Amino acid sequence: MCIGNLTSFQHVDSFLSYADLNRTPVKSIIVGHLTNLIQDFHSYFPYLEKKYAQIDWDKLLEVSSDLSLQLKFAKSTLTQFWVSVKQDYPYLGQRALEQLLPFASTYLFEASFSAMNVVGEKKNGSKRPHQIGNPDELEHNRIMRTLEGKEREKDGRDTESREGN
């Protein structure tokens, strides 16, 4: 790709051609954005460049042939398994967790929040409004409660008017 050639960005290219704008500022914004994306990918996935280079295959063979670990693997999730393996095989466990949790902070937050919701539901027997999470669902529930209340009020007035006649 030649410098200044924006044919890969068809919408930008057609807009700049149509509006007869200077391409230099737009180009610098695009280059900056793509540079940041590359840096972000390298920080989130540093292992991609040397994916298999540093795996200790002997340790992995030990883990895979250990009968107690095979039983533990059958009874737990992948994440739980590798967290427990990490105690005896720190490097191998860390590498496995890096593969399983590329966005660890987001994953851990979501997993913790989800676990708290499950505990709250079991303890209280129902969801609280703040646990539903979806604003559309909250709005739908509010509207339904309002409509149900109006129906009860109407039924009550209808019953009173029939009893009064």
N, C-alpha and C. Protein backbone atom coordinates (compact mmCIF):
# COMPACT_ATOMS: atom_id res chain seq x y z
N MET A 1 0.84 -1.18 0.00
CA MET A 1 0.00 0.00 0.00
C MET A 1 0.88 1.23 0.00
N CYS A 2 0.66 2.11 -0.92
CA CYS A 2 1.42 3.35 -1.01
C CYS A 2 0.97 4.30 0.09
N ILE A 3 1.89 5.11 0.54
CA ILE A 3 1.52 6.14 1.51
C ILE A 3 0.61 7.14 0.81
N GLY A 4 -0.51 7.43 1.44
CA GLY A 4 -1.48 8.35 0.84
C GLY A 4 -2.59 7.65 0.10
N ASN A 5 -2.45 6.36 -0.13
CA ASN A 5 -3.47 5.60 -0.82
C ASN A 5 -4.49 5.10 0.19
N LEU A 6 -5.72 5.58 0.10
CA LEU A 6 -6.77 5.21 1.05
C LEU A 6 -7.80 4.27 0.45
N THR A 7 -7.44 3.54 -0.60
CA THR A 7 -8.41 2.67 -1.26
C THR A 7 -8.91 1.55 -0.34
N SER A 8 -8.13 1.19 0.66
CA SER A 8 -8.59 0.18 1.62
C SER A 8 -9.69 0.72 2.53
N PHE A 9 -9.77 2.02 2.62
CA PHE A 9 -10.80 2.69 3.42
C PHE A 9 -11.75 3.39 2.45
N GLN A 10 -12.62 2.62 1.82
CA GLN A 10 -13.45 3.12 0.72
C GLN A 10 -14.31 4.30 1.12
N HIS A 11 -14.94 4.23 2.28
CA HIS A 11 -15.83 5.32 2.69
C HIS A 11 -15.05 6.61 2.95
N VAL A 12 -13.91 6.47 3.61
CA VAL A 12 -13.07 7.65 3.87
C VAL A 12 -12.58 8.22 2.55
N ASP A 13 -12.11 7.36 1.66
CA ASP A 13 -11.59 7.80 0.37
C ASP A 13 -12.66 8.53 -0.44
N SER A 14 -13.86 7.95 -0.52
CA SER A 14 -14.91 8.60 -1.31
C SER A 14 -15.36 9.91 -0.66
N PHE A 15 -15.41 9.94 0.69
CA PHE A 15 -15.80 11.18 1.37
C PHE A 15 -14.79 12.28 1.12
N LEU A 16 -13.50 11.94 1.27
CA LEU A 16 -12.46 12.95 1.06
C LEU A 16 -12.43 13.42 -0.39
N SER A 17 -12.67 12.51 -1.33
CA SER A 17 -12.71 12.91 -2.74
C SER A 17 -13.91 13.80 -3.01
N TYR A 18 -15.05 13.44 -2.46
CA TYR A 18 -16.29 14.19 -2.67
C TYR A 18 -16.19 15.58 -2.02
N ALA A 19 -15.67 15.62 -0.80
CA ALA A 19 -15.60 16.89 -0.08
C ALA A 19 -14.37 17.70 -0.45
N ASP A 20 -13.48 17.11 -1.25
CA ASP A 20 -12.25 17.77 -1.67
C ASP A 20 -11.47 18.30 -0.46
N LEU A 21 -11.25 17.41 0.51
CA LEU A 21 -10.54 17.77 1.73
C LEU A 21 -9.10 17.31 1.67
N ASN A 22 -8.28 17.93 2.50
CA ASN A 22 -6.88 17.56 2.61
C ASN A 22 -6.78 16.20 3.32
N ARG A 23 -6.08 15.28 2.73
CA ARG A 23 -5.99 13.92 3.26
C ARG A 23 -4.98 13.80 4.40
N THR A 24 -4.05 14.70 4.53
CA THR A 24 -2.98 14.57 5.51
C THR A 24 -3.49 14.47 6.95
N PRO A 25 -4.38 15.36 7.41
CA PRO A 25 -4.85 15.22 8.80
C PRO A 25 -5.62 13.92 9.04
N VAL A 26 -6.42 13.52 8.07
CA VAL A 26 -7.20 12.29 8.21
C VAL A 26 -6.25 11.09 8.25
N LYS A 27 -5.26 11.12 7.37
CA LYS A 27 -4.28 10.04 7.33
C LYS A 27 -3.55 9.90 8.66
N SER A 28 -3.17 11.02 9.26
CA SER A 28 -2.44 10.96 10.53
C SER A 28 -3.34 10.40 11.64
N ILE A 29 -4.63 10.71 11.60
CA ILE A 29 -5.56 10.15 12.60
C ILE A 29 -5.68 8.64 12.41
N ILE A 30 -5.81 8.20 11.16
CA ILE A 30 -5.94 6.76 10.87
C ILE A 30 -4.67 6.03 11.28
N VAL A 31 -3.52 6.57 10.92
CA VAL A 31 -2.25 5.93 11.27
C VAL A 31 -2.10 5.85 12.79
N GLY A 32 -2.44 6.93 13.48
CA GLY A 32 -2.38 6.92 14.95
C GLY A 32 -3.29 5.87 15.56
N HIS A 33 -4.50 5.79 15.02
CA HIS A 33 -5.46 4.81 15.52
C HIS A 33 -4.97 3.38 15.29
N LEU A 34 -4.48 3.10 14.10
CA LEU A 34 -3.98 1.75 13.79
C LEU A 34 -2.75 1.41 14.63
N THR A 35 -1.89 2.39 14.87
CA THR A 35 -0.72 2.17 15.73
C THR A 35 -1.16 1.81 17.14
N ASN A 36 -2.16 2.52 17.66
CA ASN A 36 -2.68 2.20 19.00
C ASN A 36 -3.30 0.81 19.04
N LEU A 37 -4.00 0.43 17.97
CA LEU A 37 -4.58 -0.91 17.91
C LEU A 37 -3.50 -1.98 17.97
N ILE A 38 -2.43 -1.77 17.22
CA ILE A 38 -1.33 -2.74 17.22
C ILE A 38 -0.73 -2.86 18.62
N GLN A 39 -0.52 -1.72 19.29
CA GLN A 39 0.03 -1.75 20.65
C GLN A 39 -0.92 -2.46 21.61
N ASP A 40 -2.22 -2.20 21.47
CA ASP A 40 -3.21 -2.87 22.32
C ASP A 40 -3.20 -4.37 22.10
N PHE A 41 -3.14 -4.80 20.83
CA PHE A 41 -3.09 -6.23 20.55
C PHE A 41 -1.85 -6.86 21.17
N HIS A 42 -0.72 -6.18 21.09
CA HIS A 42 0.50 -6.73 21.67
C HIS A 42 0.40 -6.81 23.19
N SER A 43 -0.28 -5.84 23.82
CA SER A 43 -0.40 -5.90 25.28
C SER A 43 -1.40 -6.96 25.71
N TYR A 44 -2.48 -7.16 24.94
CA TYR A 44 -3.47 -8.17 25.30
C TYR A 44 -3.03 -9.58 24.90
N PHE A 45 -2.31 -9.70 23.81
CA PHE A 45 -1.90 -11.01 23.30
C PHE A 45 -0.39 -11.07 23.07
N PRO A 46 0.40 -10.89 24.12
CA PRO A 46 1.85 -10.87 23.91
C PRO A 46 2.41 -12.22 23.49
N TYR A 47 1.67 -13.27 23.75
CA TYR A 47 2.14 -14.62 23.47
C TYR A 47 1.93 -15.04 22.03
N LEU A 48 1.24 -14.25 21.23
CA LEU A 48 0.95 -14.68 19.86
C LEU A 48 2.21 -14.85 19.01
N GLU A 49 3.20 -14.01 19.23
CA GLU A 49 4.40 -14.07 18.40
C GLU A 49 5.25 -15.31 18.69
N LYS A 50 5.24 -15.73 19.93
CA LYS A 50 6.03 -16.91 20.30
C LYS A 50 5.11 -17.92 21.01
N LYS A 51 4.07 -18.28 20.31
CA LYS A 51 2.98 -19.07 20.88
C LYS A 51 3.44 -20.38 21.50
N TYR A 52 4.21 -21.16 20.80
CA TYR A 52 4.59 -22.47 21.29
C TYR A 52 6.07 -22.56 21.67
N ALA A 53 6.79 -21.49 21.56
CA ALA A 53 8.23 -21.54 21.73
C ALA A 53 8.65 -21.93 23.15
N GLN A 54 7.91 -21.47 24.15
CA GLN A 54 8.38 -21.65 25.51
C GLN A 54 7.57 -22.66 26.32
N ILE A 55 6.76 -23.47 25.68
CA ILE A 55 6.00 -24.47 26.42
C ILE A 55 6.94 -25.59 26.84
N ASP A 56 6.85 -25.95 28.10
CA ASP A 56 7.64 -27.06 28.61
C ASP A 56 6.86 -28.34 28.35
N TRP A 57 7.18 -28.99 27.25
CA TRP A 57 6.43 -30.15 26.80
C TRP A 57 6.52 -31.31 27.79
N ASP A 58 7.65 -31.45 28.48
CA ASP A 58 7.80 -32.53 29.47
C ASP A 58 6.83 -32.34 30.63
N LYS A 59 6.72 -31.11 31.11
CA LYS A 59 5.79 -30.82 32.21
C LYS A 59 4.35 -31.04 31.75
N LEU A 60 4.04 -30.64 30.53
CA LEU A 60 2.70 -30.84 30.00
C LEU A 60 2.37 -32.33 29.90
N LEU A 61 3.36 -33.13 29.53
CA LEU A 61 3.18 -34.59 29.48
C LEU A 61 2.94 -35.15 30.88
N GLU A 62 3.68 -34.62 31.87
CA GLU A 62 3.46 -35.04 33.27
C GLU A 62 2.03 -34.75 33.71
N VAL A 63 1.58 -33.54 33.42
CA VAL A 63 0.23 -33.13 33.81
C VAL A 63 -0.81 -34.02 33.14
N SER A 64 -0.64 -34.27 31.86
CA SER A 64 -1.64 -35.04 31.12
C SER A 64 -1.67 -36.51 31.51
N SER A 65 -0.57 -37.03 32.07
CA SER A 65 -0.55 -38.45 32.44
C SER A 65 -0.80 -38.68 33.93
N ASP A 66 -0.93 -37.63 34.72
CA ASP A 66 -1.20 -37.74 36.15
C ASP A 66 -2.67 -38.10 36.38
N LEU A 67 -2.92 -39.29 36.98
CA LEU A 67 -4.29 -39.77 37.16
C LEU A 67 -5.11 -38.87 38.09
N SER A 68 -4.49 -38.36 39.15
CA SER A 68 -5.24 -37.48 40.05
C SER A 68 -5.64 -36.18 39.34
N LEU A 69 -4.76 -35.69 38.48
CA LEU A 69 -5.11 -34.49 37.72
C LEU A 69 -6.18 -34.79 36.67
N GLN A 70 -6.16 -36.00 36.12
CA GLN A 70 -7.22 -36.38 35.18
C GLN A 70 -8.58 -36.39 35.86
N LEU A 71 -8.63 -36.90 37.10
CA LEU A 71 -9.89 -36.89 37.86
C LEU A 71 -10.32 -35.45 38.17
N LYS A 72 -9.35 -34.64 38.58
CA LYS A 72 -9.65 -33.24 38.89
C LYS A 72 -10.16 -32.51 37.64
N PHE A 73 -9.56 -32.82 36.50
CA PHE A 73 -9.97 -32.20 35.24
C PHE A 73 -11.41 -32.55 34.90
N ALA A 74 -11.79 -33.80 35.16
CA ALA A 74 -13.15 -34.25 34.85
C ALA A 74 -14.19 -33.59 35.74
N LYS A 75 -13.79 -33.15 36.93
CA LYS A 75 -14.75 -32.60 37.90
C LYS A 75 -14.76 -31.08 37.97
N SER A 76 -13.94 -30.40 37.20
CA SER A 76 -13.87 -28.94 37.32
C SER A 76 -13.86 -28.27 35.95
N THR A 77 -14.03 -26.96 35.97
CA THR A 77 -13.95 -26.20 34.72
C THR A 77 -12.49 -26.07 34.33
N LEU A 78 -12.26 -25.67 33.10
CA LEU A 78 -10.87 -25.48 32.65
C LEU A 78 -10.13 -24.48 33.53
N THR A 79 -10.80 -23.38 33.82
CA THR A 79 -10.15 -22.34 34.63
C THR A 79 -9.84 -22.87 36.02
N GLN A 80 -10.79 -23.53 36.66
CA GLN A 80 -10.55 -24.09 37.99
C GLN A 80 -9.41 -25.10 37.95
N PHE A 81 -9.41 -25.93 36.94
CA PHE A 81 -8.36 -26.95 36.81
C PHE A 81 -6.99 -26.30 36.73
N TRP A 82 -6.83 -25.32 35.84
CA TRP A 82 -5.50 -24.73 35.66
C TRP A 82 -5.09 -23.86 36.84
N VAL A 83 -6.04 -23.31 37.56
CA VAL A 83 -5.69 -22.59 38.79
C VAL A 83 -5.10 -23.57 39.80
N SER A 84 -5.70 -24.76 39.92
CA SER A 84 -5.16 -25.76 40.85
C SER A 84 -3.82 -26.32 40.36
N VAL A 85 -3.67 -26.51 39.07
CA VAL A 85 -2.41 -27.02 38.51
C VAL A 85 -1.29 -26.01 38.70
N LYS A 86 -1.66 -24.74 38.69
CA LYS A 86 -0.66 -23.68 38.80
C LYS A 86 0.14 -23.78 40.10
N GLN A 87 -0.44 -24.37 41.15
CA GLN A 87 0.28 -24.53 42.41
C GLN A 87 1.48 -25.45 42.26
N ASP A 88 1.30 -26.55 41.53
CA ASP A 88 2.40 -27.51 41.34
C ASP A 88 3.24 -27.22 40.10
N TYR A 89 2.63 -26.63 39.10
CA TYR A 89 3.31 -26.31 37.84
C TYR A 89 3.07 -24.83 37.52
N PRO A 90 3.77 -23.93 38.23
CA PRO A 90 3.45 -22.50 38.12
C PRO A 90 3.56 -21.94 36.69
N TYR A 91 4.60 -22.28 35.99
CA TYR A 91 4.78 -21.71 34.65
C TYR A 91 3.72 -22.24 33.69
N LEU A 92 3.50 -23.55 33.71
CA LEU A 92 2.52 -24.17 32.82
C LEU A 92 1.11 -23.66 33.14
N GLY A 93 0.79 -23.58 34.43
CA GLY A 93 -0.52 -23.07 34.84
C GLY A 93 -0.73 -21.63 34.41
N GLN A 94 0.31 -20.83 34.56
CA GLN A 94 0.21 -19.42 34.15
C GLN A 94 -0.02 -19.30 32.65
N ARG A 95 0.71 -20.09 31.88
CA ARG A 95 0.55 -20.05 30.42
C ARG A 95 -0.86 -20.48 30.01
N ALA A 96 -1.38 -21.51 30.66
CA ALA A 96 -2.74 -21.98 30.34
C ALA A 96 -3.76 -20.90 30.68
N LEU A 97 -3.60 -20.26 31.83
CA LEU A 97 -4.55 -19.21 32.23
C LEU A 97 -4.46 -18.01 31.30
N GLU A 98 -3.28 -17.71 30.80
CA GLU A 98 -3.16 -16.62 29.83
C GLU A 98 -3.95 -16.93 28.57
N GLN A 99 -3.96 -18.19 28.18
CA GLN A 99 -4.73 -18.58 26.99
C GLN A 99 -6.22 -18.53 27.27
N LEU A 100 -6.61 -18.95 28.47
CA LEU A 100 -8.03 -18.99 28.81
C LEU A 100 -8.60 -17.62 29.14
N LEU A 101 -7.78 -16.76 29.69
CA LEU A 101 -8.26 -15.47 30.16
C LEU A 101 -7.48 -14.30 29.56
N PRO A 102 -7.60 -14.04 28.28
CA PRO A 102 -6.84 -12.94 27.70
C PRO A 102 -7.25 -11.59 28.27
N PHE A 103 -8.49 -11.45 28.69
CA PHE A 103 -8.95 -10.21 29.29
C PHE A 103 -9.32 -10.51 30.74
N ALA A 104 -8.33 -10.87 31.52
CA ALA A 104 -8.57 -11.40 32.85
C ALA A 104 -9.37 -10.46 33.73
N SER A 105 -9.06 -9.18 33.73
CA SER A 105 -9.77 -8.28 34.63
C SER A 105 -11.25 -8.22 34.29
N THR A 106 -11.60 -8.15 33.03
CA THR A 106 -13.00 -8.12 32.62
C THR A 106 -13.66 -9.45 32.96
N TYR A 107 -12.97 -10.54 32.66
CA TYR A 107 -13.54 -11.86 32.94
C TYR A 107 -13.79 -12.02 34.43
N LEU A 108 -12.79 -11.68 35.24
CA LEU A 108 -12.94 -11.87 36.68
C LEU A 108 -14.06 -11.00 37.23
N PHE A 109 -14.20 -9.79 36.71
CA PHE A 109 -15.29 -8.93 37.16
C PHE A 109 -16.63 -9.56 36.81
N GLU A 110 -16.78 -9.99 35.57
CA GLU A 110 -18.05 -10.60 35.14
C GLU A 110 -18.33 -11.88 35.92
N ALA A 111 -17.31 -12.70 36.12
CA ALA A 111 -17.51 -13.95 36.85
C ALA A 111 -17.90 -13.69 38.30
N SER A 112 -17.25 -12.71 38.93
CA SER A 112 -17.57 -12.37 40.31
C SER A 112 -18.98 -11.83 40.42
N PHE A 113 -19.33 -10.93 39.52
CA PHE A 113 -20.67 -10.34 39.53
C PHE A 113 -21.72 -11.41 39.32
N SER A 114 -21.47 -12.31 38.39
CA SER A 114 -22.40 -13.39 38.12
C SER A 114 -22.55 -14.30 39.34
N ALA A 115 -21.44 -14.62 39.99
CA ALA A 115 -21.48 -15.47 41.18
C ALA A 115 -22.27 -14.79 42.30
N MET A 116 -22.08 -13.48 42.48
CA MET A 116 -22.84 -12.76 43.51
C MET A 116 -24.32 -12.79 43.21
N ASN A 117 -24.69 -12.66 41.95
CA ASN A 117 -26.11 -12.72 41.58
C ASN A 117 -26.70 -14.08 41.90
N VAL A 118 -25.96 -15.13 41.59
CA VAL A 118 -26.45 -16.48 41.87
C VAL A 118 -26.64 -16.67 43.37
N VAL A 119 -25.67 -16.22 44.16
CA VAL A 119 -25.78 -16.33 45.62
C VAL A 119 -26.98 -15.53 46.11
N GLY A 120 -27.15 -14.31 45.59
CA GLY A 120 -28.28 -13.48 45.99
C GLY A 120 -29.61 -14.10 45.62
N GLU A 121 -29.69 -14.70 44.45
CA GLU A 121 -30.93 -15.35 44.02
C GLU A 121 -31.25 -16.54 44.90
N LYS A 122 -30.23 -17.33 45.22
CA LYS A 122 -30.47 -18.51 46.06
C LYS A 122 -30.88 -18.08 47.46
N LYS A 123 -30.24 -17.03 47.98
CA LYS A 123 -30.51 -16.57 49.34
C LYS A 123 -31.89 -15.93 49.43
N ASN A 124 -32.23 -15.10 48.47
CA ASN A 124 -33.47 -14.34 48.53
C ASN A 124 -34.60 -14.95 47.72
N GLY A 125 -34.30 -15.92 46.89
CA GLY A 125 -35.34 -16.59 46.14
C GLY A 125 -35.83 -15.85 44.92
N SER A 126 -35.31 -14.69 44.63
CA SER A 126 -35.75 -13.95 43.44
C SER A 126 -34.70 -12.93 43.06
N LYS A 127 -34.87 -12.38 41.87
CA LYS A 127 -33.96 -11.33 41.40
C LYS A 127 -34.42 -9.99 41.93
N ARG A 128 -33.46 -9.16 42.25
CA ARG A 128 -33.76 -7.78 42.58
C ARG A 128 -33.66 -6.99 41.29
N PRO A 129 -34.33 -5.83 41.20
CA PRO A 129 -34.28 -5.06 39.95
C PRO A 129 -32.88 -4.74 39.48
N HIS A 130 -31.96 -4.43 40.40
CA HIS A 130 -30.61 -4.07 39.96
C HIS A 130 -29.83 -5.28 39.45
N GLN A 131 -30.34 -6.49 39.67
CA GLN A 131 -29.65 -7.68 39.20
C GLN A 131 -30.05 -8.05 37.78
N ILE A 132 -31.15 -7.50 37.29
CA ILE A 132 -31.61 -7.84 35.95
C ILE A 132 -30.62 -7.31 34.93
N GLY A 133 -30.20 -6.07 35.10
CA GLY A 133 -29.14 -5.54 34.27
C GLY A 133 -29.55 -4.92 32.96
N ASN A 134 -30.47 -5.51 32.24
CA ASN A 134 -30.86 -5.01 30.92
C ASN A 134 -31.84 -3.86 31.09
N PRO A 135 -31.49 -2.63 30.67
CA PRO A 135 -32.40 -1.49 30.84
C PRO A 135 -33.74 -1.69 30.16
N ASP A 136 -33.75 -2.34 29.00
CA ASP A 136 -35.02 -2.59 28.32
C ASP A 136 -35.91 -3.51 29.14
N GLU A 137 -35.28 -4.51 29.77
CA GLU A 137 -36.04 -5.43 30.60
C GLU A 137 -36.59 -4.71 31.83
N LEU A 138 -35.77 -3.83 32.42
CA LEU A 138 -36.24 -3.05 33.57
C LEU A 138 -37.43 -2.19 33.18
N GLU A 139 -37.34 -1.52 32.05
CA GLU A 139 -38.43 -0.66 31.58
C GLU A 139 -39.67 -1.49 31.29
N HIS A 140 -39.49 -2.63 30.66
CA HIS A 140 -40.61 -3.52 30.36
C HIS A 140 -41.30 -3.94 31.66
N ASN A 141 -40.52 -4.33 32.67
CA ASN A 141 -41.09 -4.76 33.95
C ASN A 141 -41.85 -3.62 34.62
N ARG A 142 -41.31 -2.41 34.55
CA ARG A 142 -41.97 -1.25 35.16
C ARG A 142 -43.31 -0.99 34.47
N ILE A 143 -43.32 -1.05 33.15
CA ILE A 143 -44.56 -0.82 32.39
C ILE A 143 -45.58 -1.90 32.72
N MET A 144 -45.13 -3.15 32.79
CA MET A 144 -46.06 -4.24 33.09
C MET A 144 -46.66 -4.09 34.48
N ARG A 145 -45.85 -3.68 35.47
CA ARG A 145 -46.39 -3.47 36.81
C ARG A 145 -47.41 -2.34 36.81
N THR A 146 -47.13 -1.28 36.06
CA THR A 146 -48.07 -0.15 35.97
C THR A 146 -49.38 -0.61 35.34
N LEU A 147 -49.29 -1.35 34.24
CA LEU A 147 -50.50 -1.84 33.57
C LEU A 147 -51.29 -2.79 34.46
N GLU A 148 -50.59 -3.67 35.16
CA GLU A 148 -51.28 -4.59 36.06
C GLU A 148 -51.98 -3.84 37.17
N GLY A 149 -51.34 -2.79 37.68
CA GLY A 149 -51.97 -1.96 38.72
C GLY A 149 -53.21 -1.27 38.20
N LYS A 150 -53.13 -0.75 36.97
CA LYS A 150 -54.28 -0.08 36.36
C LYS A 150 -55.42 -1.07 36.15
N GLU A 151 -55.10 -2.29 35.72
CA GLU A 151 -56.12 -3.32 35.53
C GLU A 151 -56.81 -3.63 36.86
N ARG A 152 -56.02 -3.75 37.94
CA ARG A 152 -56.61 -4.03 39.25
C ARG A 152 -57.51 -2.88 39.69
N GLU A 153 -57.04 -1.64 39.46
CA GLU A 153 -57.86 -0.48 39.81
C GLU A 153 -59.16 -0.51 39.03
N LYS A 154 -59.08 -0.77 37.73
CA LYS A 154 -60.26 -0.81 36.87
C LYS A 154 -61.20 -1.92 37.33
N ASP A 155 -60.65 -3.10 37.61
CA ASP A 155 -61.48 -4.20 38.08
C ASP A 155 -62.17 -3.83 39.39
N GLY A 156 -61.45 -3.14 40.25
CA GLY A 156 -62.03 -2.72 41.52
C GLY A 156 -63.16 -1.74 41.32
N ARG A 157 -62.99 -0.77 40.38
CA ARG A 157 -64.05 0.21 40.09
C ARG A 157 -65.24 -0.47 39.45
N ASP A 158 -64.98 -1.42 38.54
CA ASP A 158 -66.08 -2.14 37.89
C ASP A 158 -66.88 -2.93 38.92
N THR A 159 -66.19 -3.56 39.85
CA THR A 159 -66.86 -4.34 40.89
C THR A 159 -67.69 -3.42 41.77
N GLU A 160 -67.11 -2.26 42.15
CA GLU A 160 -67.83 -1.31 42.99
C GLU A 160 -69.07 -0.78 42.28
N SER A 161 -68.95 -0.46 40.97
CA SER A 161 -70.10 0.08 40.24
C SER A 161 -71.19 -0.97 40.08
N ARG A 162 -70.81 -2.24 39.91
CA ARG A 162 -71.81 -3.30 39.81
C ARG A 162 -72.49 -3.54 41.14
N GLU A 163 -71.71 -3.45 42.22
CA GLU A 163 -72.29 -3.65 43.54
C GLU A 163 -73.20 -2.49 43.92
N GLY A 164 -72.87 -1.28 43.43
CA GLY A 164 -73.66 -0.08 43.72
C GLY A 164 -74.97 -0.08 42.98
N ASN A 165 -75.11 -0.77 41.85
CA ASN A 165 -76.35 -0.79 41.04
C ASN A 165 -77.29 -1.78 41.53
